[in-house]
Amino acid sequence: MLAMLAAAHKATPPAPGPVPPPLRVTMVLPAARPPDIKALPPLAPMAPFSKPSAAPSRASQPSPRAPAATQAEAEHAPASMEAPAPPSAEEWQQAATYTRKNSKRYRYAWGQQVRSMMGTAVEGPQQGDVRFRVEIAPDGHLARLDTIWSTSDTAERLAREALSHMPPLPPTPTGQPLVFEKTISFQPQDRGWPPIYQYDCLPDPEGFKNPFAWSGSSDRTATLETNPEPSETMTAAEKEECVKGLPKDSLQAVTADQERQFKVWGSLPLNGVK
């Protein structure tokens, strides 16, 4: 019975209701407003028409790469350094009276005189150093010149040419032949440095003696002997008087000496660690 009622309910669908009318929407647009002519900016007057001139030739146009090439050439130009001024007559007079440390001031003035006559040093294969062993006679003329080593044939040639045209020099400070070694630097980055005189009153330390050296005839027994302390040849009063007579070191000389020592000792490892 229930099955028959369920089948009858499915067979008769409900009647559809009334269909609602479609929704209508009306849009009203405002009327277009003409632009305000007074608010517009005035038009700029037109330039008068002119016939274009002929295009300039390619030769007259500046090349855009010319400034860059000139700048590059300037950056890669070889470095150069003019020769220093020779020692003045006053400096030579002071050098001829300074006897300490193997006539130290005379040797420096001699090197400056040679370098001043060698001309401008230019960066390149011709730059370098040359070291001479020099012997100057008591009257100031060159008695002997030997080349110990050289890193530039040009530097050695220019130095020897300068020595052949050397002006007369004052006599040596001690009145004895002056023998020394001197390095002449012919490089654009090396200005050299004036000597330091503040330690010239201290005695010279003795040279190192190898305690293991064997003469070949004596017993081969090594005796470790420390180098003896240098003997003091001046009294306290003499040393004080010597210090008063020392030339005063210039700021440039002290700065150059400290820079040189920093380059030498700063390159060494500290406590075995680089």
Protein backbone atom coordinates (compact mmCIF):
# COMPACT_ATOMS: atom_id res chain seq x y z
CA MET A 1 0.00 0.00 0.00
CA LEU A 2 2.79 2.33 0.93
CA ALA A 3 4.59 1.49 -2.30
CA MET A 4 1.54 2.42 -4.36
CA LEU A 5 1.20 5.81 -2.57
CA ALA A 6 4.91 6.59 -3.14
CA ALA A 7 4.63 5.76 -6.85
CA ALA A 8 1.51 7.92 -7.20
CA HIS A 9 3.32 10.82 -5.47
CA LYS A 10 6.24 10.61 -7.90
CA ALA A 11 4.04 10.39 -10.97
CA THR A 12 2.14 13.68 -10.35
CA PRO A 13 4.61 16.66 -10.18
CA PRO A 14 3.44 19.91 -8.63
CA ALA A 15 1.99 22.58 -10.90
CA PRO A 16 4.45 25.46 -11.77
CA GLY A 17 3.81 28.85 -10.23
CA PRO A 18 3.50 32.19 -12.09
CA VAL A 19 6.69 33.47 -13.88
CA PRO A 20 7.89 36.91 -12.50
CA PRO A 21 8.33 39.70 -15.09
CA PRO A 22 11.94 40.49 -16.16
CA LEU A 23 13.81 43.30 -14.33
CA ARG A 24 14.46 46.37 -16.48
CA VAL A 25 17.14 49.01 -15.64
CA THR A 26 17.31 52.39 -17.39
CA MET A 27 20.66 54.35 -17.39
CA VAL A 28 20.64 58.12 -18.03
CA LEU A 29 24.07 59.65 -19.05
CA PRO A 30 24.75 63.35 -18.41
CA ALA A 31 25.24 65.59 -21.39
CA ALA A 32 28.87 66.17 -22.55
CA ARG A 33 30.31 69.50 -21.32
CA PRO A 34 32.43 71.48 -23.81
CA PRO A 35 36.04 72.20 -22.64
CA ASP A 36 36.92 75.54 -21.09
CA ILE A 37 38.83 77.33 -23.82
CA LYS A 38 40.13 80.03 -21.46
CA ALA A 39 41.86 77.43 -19.23
CA LEU A 40 43.95 75.95 -22.06
CA PRO A 41 47.60 77.27 -22.35
CA PRO A 42 48.35 79.43 -25.38
CA LEU A 43 50.11 77.76 -28.26
CA ALA A 44 53.80 78.59 -28.79
CA PRO A 45 54.57 80.36 -32.08
CA MET A 46 56.16 78.14 -34.70
CA ALA A 47 59.78 78.79 -35.73
CA PRO A 48 60.23 79.92 -39.30
CA PHE A 49 61.12 77.14 -41.65
CA SER A 50 64.73 77.09 -42.85
CA LYS A 51 66.41 74.80 -45.30
CA PRO A 52 68.77 72.36 -43.58
CA SER A 53 72.43 72.91 -44.34
CA ALA A 54 74.63 70.25 -45.84
CA ALA A 55 75.83 67.57 -43.44
CA PRO A 56 79.37 68.18 -42.17
CA SER A 57 82.05 65.99 -43.59
CA ARG A 58 83.24 63.01 -41.60
CA ALA A 59 86.72 64.51 -41.30
CA SER A 60 85.39 67.65 -39.54
CA GLN A 61 83.31 65.69 -37.01
CA PRO A 62 85.14 65.06 -33.71
CA SER A 63 85.73 61.39 -33.07
CA PRO A 64 84.01 60.20 -29.90
CA ARG A 65 86.92 57.83 -29.19
CA ALA A 66 89.61 60.51 -29.33
CA PRO A 67 89.27 61.73 -25.67
CA ALA A 68 89.20 58.15 -24.38
CA ALA A 69 92.29 57.26 -26.39
CA THR A 70 94.13 60.35 -25.15
CA GLN A 71 93.23 59.52 -21.54
CA ALA A 72 94.33 55.92 -21.96
CA GLU A 73 97.65 57.03 -23.43
CA ALA A 74 98.19 59.39 -20.51
CA GLU A 75 97.44 56.64 -18.00
CA HIS A 76 99.82 54.18 -19.66
CA ALA A 77 102.60 56.71 -20.26
CA PRO A 78 105.91 55.52 -18.74
CA ALA A 79 106.82 57.07 -15.40
CA SER A 80 109.77 59.42 -15.31
CA MET A 81 111.78 61.32 -12.73
CA GLU A 82 114.07 64.24 -13.36
CA ALA A 83 117.61 64.20 -12.07
CA PRO A 84 118.09 65.75 -8.61
CA ALA A 85 119.93 69.00 -8.18
CA PRO A 86 123.67 68.69 -7.59
CA PRO A 87 125.09 69.57 -4.16
CA SER A 88 125.64 73.28 -3.68
CA ALA A 89 129.00 74.84 -2.88
CA GLU A 90 127.95 75.15 0.76
CA GLU A 91 127.00 71.47 0.93
CA TRP A 92 130.34 70.47 -0.60
CA GLN A 93 132.14 72.65 1.94
CA GLN A 94 130.31 70.95 4.81
CA ALA A 95 131.00 67.51 3.30
CA ALA A 96 134.72 68.25 2.99
CA THR A 97 134.98 68.84 6.77
CA TYR A 98 132.95 65.87 8.03
CA THR A 99 135.34 63.06 8.98
CA ARG A 100 133.12 60.65 10.92
CA LYS A 101 131.93 57.29 9.53
CA ASN A 102 134.44 57.19 6.67
CA SER A 103 133.63 60.72 5.49
CA LYS A 104 129.93 59.92 5.33
CA ARG A 105 128.79 63.31 4.12
CA TYR A 106 131.40 63.40 1.33
CA ARG A 107 130.32 60.01 0.04
CA TYR A 108 126.67 61.08 -0.09
CA ALA A 109 127.49 64.33 -1.91
CA TRP A 110 129.59 62.38 -4.43
CA GLY A 111 126.65 60.07 -5.23
CA GLN A 112 124.27 63.03 -5.60
CA GLN A 113 126.72 64.75 -7.94
CA VAL A 114 126.92 61.69 -10.19
CA ARG A 115 123.15 61.12 -10.27
CA SER A 116 122.44 64.78 -11.08
CA MET A 117 124.57 64.48 -14.24
CA MET A 118 122.86 61.30 -15.50
CA GLY A 119 119.65 62.99 -16.64
CA THR A 120 116.00 61.94 -16.40
CA ALA A 121 115.20 58.33 -15.47
CA VAL A 122 112.35 56.83 -17.54
CA GLU A 123 110.49 53.64 -16.77
CA GLY A 124 111.52 50.81 -19.06
CA PRO A 125 114.28 48.32 -19.76
CA GLN A 126 116.96 51.01 -19.41
CA GLN A 127 116.26 51.67 -15.72
CA GLY A 128 118.25 49.97 -13.00
CA ASP A 129 121.07 50.27 -10.47
CA VAL A 130 124.83 50.14 -10.64
CA ARG A 131 127.22 49.67 -7.71
CA PHE A 132 130.80 50.93 -7.85
CA ARG A 133 133.87 50.52 -5.74
CA VAL A 134 135.36 54.00 -5.63
CA GLU A 135 138.74 55.34 -4.62
CA ILE A 136 139.16 59.11 -4.40
CA ALA A 137 142.62 60.61 -4.09
CA PRO A 138 143.36 63.09 -1.28
CA ASP A 139 143.13 66.02 -3.72
CA GLY A 140 139.56 64.98 -4.76
CA HIS A 141 140.12 63.45 -8.18
CA LEU A 142 138.91 59.94 -9.03
CA ALA A 143 141.77 57.46 -8.65
CA ARG A 144 139.95 54.19 -9.35
CA LEU A 145 136.46 52.99 -10.30
CA ASP A 146 135.38 49.34 -10.46
CA THR A 147 131.91 48.02 -11.23
CA ILE A 148 130.80 45.49 -8.61
CA TRP A 149 127.43 44.72 -10.22
CA SER A 150 124.91 46.37 -12.50
CA THR A 151 121.27 45.74 -13.44
CA SER A 152 121.25 48.19 -16.35
CA ASP A 153 123.86 48.82 -19.01
CA THR A 154 122.33 52.24 -19.57
CA ALA A 155 122.70 53.21 -15.92
CA GLU A 156 126.35 52.12 -15.86
CA ARG A 157 127.12 53.92 -19.12
CA LEU A 158 125.48 57.18 -18.00
CA ALA A 159 127.22 57.02 -14.62
CA ARG A 160 130.64 56.54 -16.22
CA GLU A 161 129.96 59.39 -18.66
CA ALA A 162 129.02 61.62 -15.72
CA LEU A 163 132.24 60.68 -13.92
CA SER A 164 134.28 61.55 -16.98
CA HIS A 165 132.80 65.09 -16.89
CA MET A 166 132.87 65.47 -13.11
CA PRO A 167 133.79 69.01 -11.96
CA PRO A 168 136.75 69.44 -9.59
CA LEU A 169 135.86 68.20 -6.13
CA PRO A 170 137.25 69.42 -2.80
CA PRO A 171 139.95 67.39 -1.04
CA THR A 172 138.89 64.46 1.13
CA PRO A 173 138.05 65.33 4.76
CA THR A 174 140.85 63.20 6.27
CA GLY A 175 143.55 64.08 3.76
CA GLN A 176 143.86 60.38 2.97
CA PRO A 177 142.51 58.33 0.02
CA LEU A 178 138.80 57.71 0.44
CA VAL A 179 137.70 54.17 -0.47
CA PHE A 180 134.02 53.19 -0.40
CA GLU A 181 131.23 51.41 -2.28
CA LYS A 182 128.29 53.33 -3.72
CA THR A 183 125.08 52.31 -5.48
CA ILE A 184 123.72 54.73 -8.08
CA SER A 185 119.97 54.27 -8.64
CA PHE A 186 118.63 55.21 -12.08
CA GLN A 187 114.92 54.50 -11.56
CA PRO A 188 111.85 56.76 -11.75
CA GLN A 189 110.47 55.56 -8.40
CA ASP A 190 113.67 55.83 -6.34
CA ARG A 191 114.53 59.22 -4.94
CA GLY A 192 117.11 57.93 -2.49
CA TRP A 193 117.39 59.28 1.02
CA PRO A 194 119.79 61.60 2.83
CA PRO A 195 121.98 59.96 5.48
CA ILE A 196 121.16 60.01 9.18
CA TYR A 197 123.82 61.59 11.40
CA GLN A 198 122.35 61.18 14.88
CA TYR A 199 124.14 57.86 15.54
CA ASP A 200 127.55 58.86 14.16
CA CYS A 201 129.09 59.35 17.62
CA LEU A 202 128.48 55.71 18.55
CA PRO A 203 131.40 53.34 18.01
CA ASP A 204 131.25 50.96 15.10
CA PRO A 205 130.44 47.38 16.15
CA GLU A 206 132.98 44.76 15.27
CA GLY A 207 132.29 42.45 12.39
CA PHE A 208 130.87 38.98 12.92
CA LYS A 209 133.40 36.21 13.57
CA ASN A 210 132.37 32.63 12.85
CA PRO A 211 133.30 30.51 15.92
CA PHE A 212 133.19 27.33 13.79
CA ALA A 213 135.67 28.55 11.19
CA TRP A 214 138.78 26.29 10.90
CA SER A 215 142.12 27.47 9.72
CA GLY A 216 143.11 24.02 8.53
CA SER A 217 146.03 23.56 10.87
CA SER A 218 144.72 24.05 14.39
CA ASP A 219 142.60 21.61 16.35
CA ARG A 220 139.01 21.40 15.13
CA THR A 221 137.46 22.28 18.46
CA ALA A 222 134.62 24.74 18.27
CA THR A 223 134.69 27.40 20.94
CA LEU A 224 131.55 29.50 21.05
CA GLU A 225 132.74 32.99 21.85
CA THR A 226 130.42 35.90 21.71
CA ASN A 227 131.58 38.97 19.88
CA PRO A 228 133.22 41.36 22.33
CA GLU A 229 131.55 44.65 22.96
CA PRO A 230 133.01 47.50 20.92
CA SER A 231 135.59 49.40 22.87
CA GLU A 232 134.65 52.93 23.86
CA THR A 233 137.19 55.28 22.33
CA MET A 234 135.67 58.53 23.67
CA THR A 235 135.07 59.79 27.15
CA ALA A 236 131.71 61.13 28.25
CA ALA A 237 132.82 64.71 27.69
CA GLU A 238 134.21 63.92 24.26
CA LYS A 239 131.01 62.10 23.31
CA GLU A 240 128.89 65.04 24.45
CA GLU A 241 131.04 67.41 22.43
CA CYS A 242 130.75 65.09 19.41
CA VAL A 243 126.96 65.02 19.65
CA LYS A 244 126.85 68.82 19.70
CA GLY A 245 128.82 68.97 16.46
CA LEU A 246 126.63 66.53 14.53
CA PRO A 247 124.52 67.91 11.67
CA LYS A 248 120.83 68.16 12.40
CA ASP A 249 118.81 65.56 10.55
CA SER A 250 116.03 66.98 8.38
CA LEU A 251 112.44 65.77 8.58
CA GLN A 252 112.69 64.40 5.03
CA ALA A 253 115.79 62.37 5.95
CA VAL A 254 114.18 60.86 9.05
CA THR A 255 110.94 60.05 7.18
CA ALA A 256 112.80 58.43 4.27
CA ASP A 257 114.96 56.37 6.64
CA GLN A 258 111.94 55.12 8.60
CA GLU A 259 110.11 54.24 5.39
CA ARG A 260 113.14 52.30 4.13
CA GLN A 261 113.44 50.37 7.41
CA PHE A 262 109.72 49.62 7.39
CA LYS A 263 109.97 48.15 3.89
CA VAL A 264 112.96 46.02 4.87
CA TRP A 265 111.79 44.75 8.25
CA GLY A 266 108.07 44.74 7.44
CA SER A 267 108.63 42.11 4.76
CA LEU A 268 110.10 39.64 7.28
CA PRO A 269 107.82 37.11 9.05
CA LEU A 270 106.91 37.84 12.66
CA ASN A 271 107.52 34.88 15.01
CA GLY A 272 107.67 32.54 12.04
CA VAL A 273 104.15 33.54 10.86
CA LYS A 274 103.74 35.53 7.66
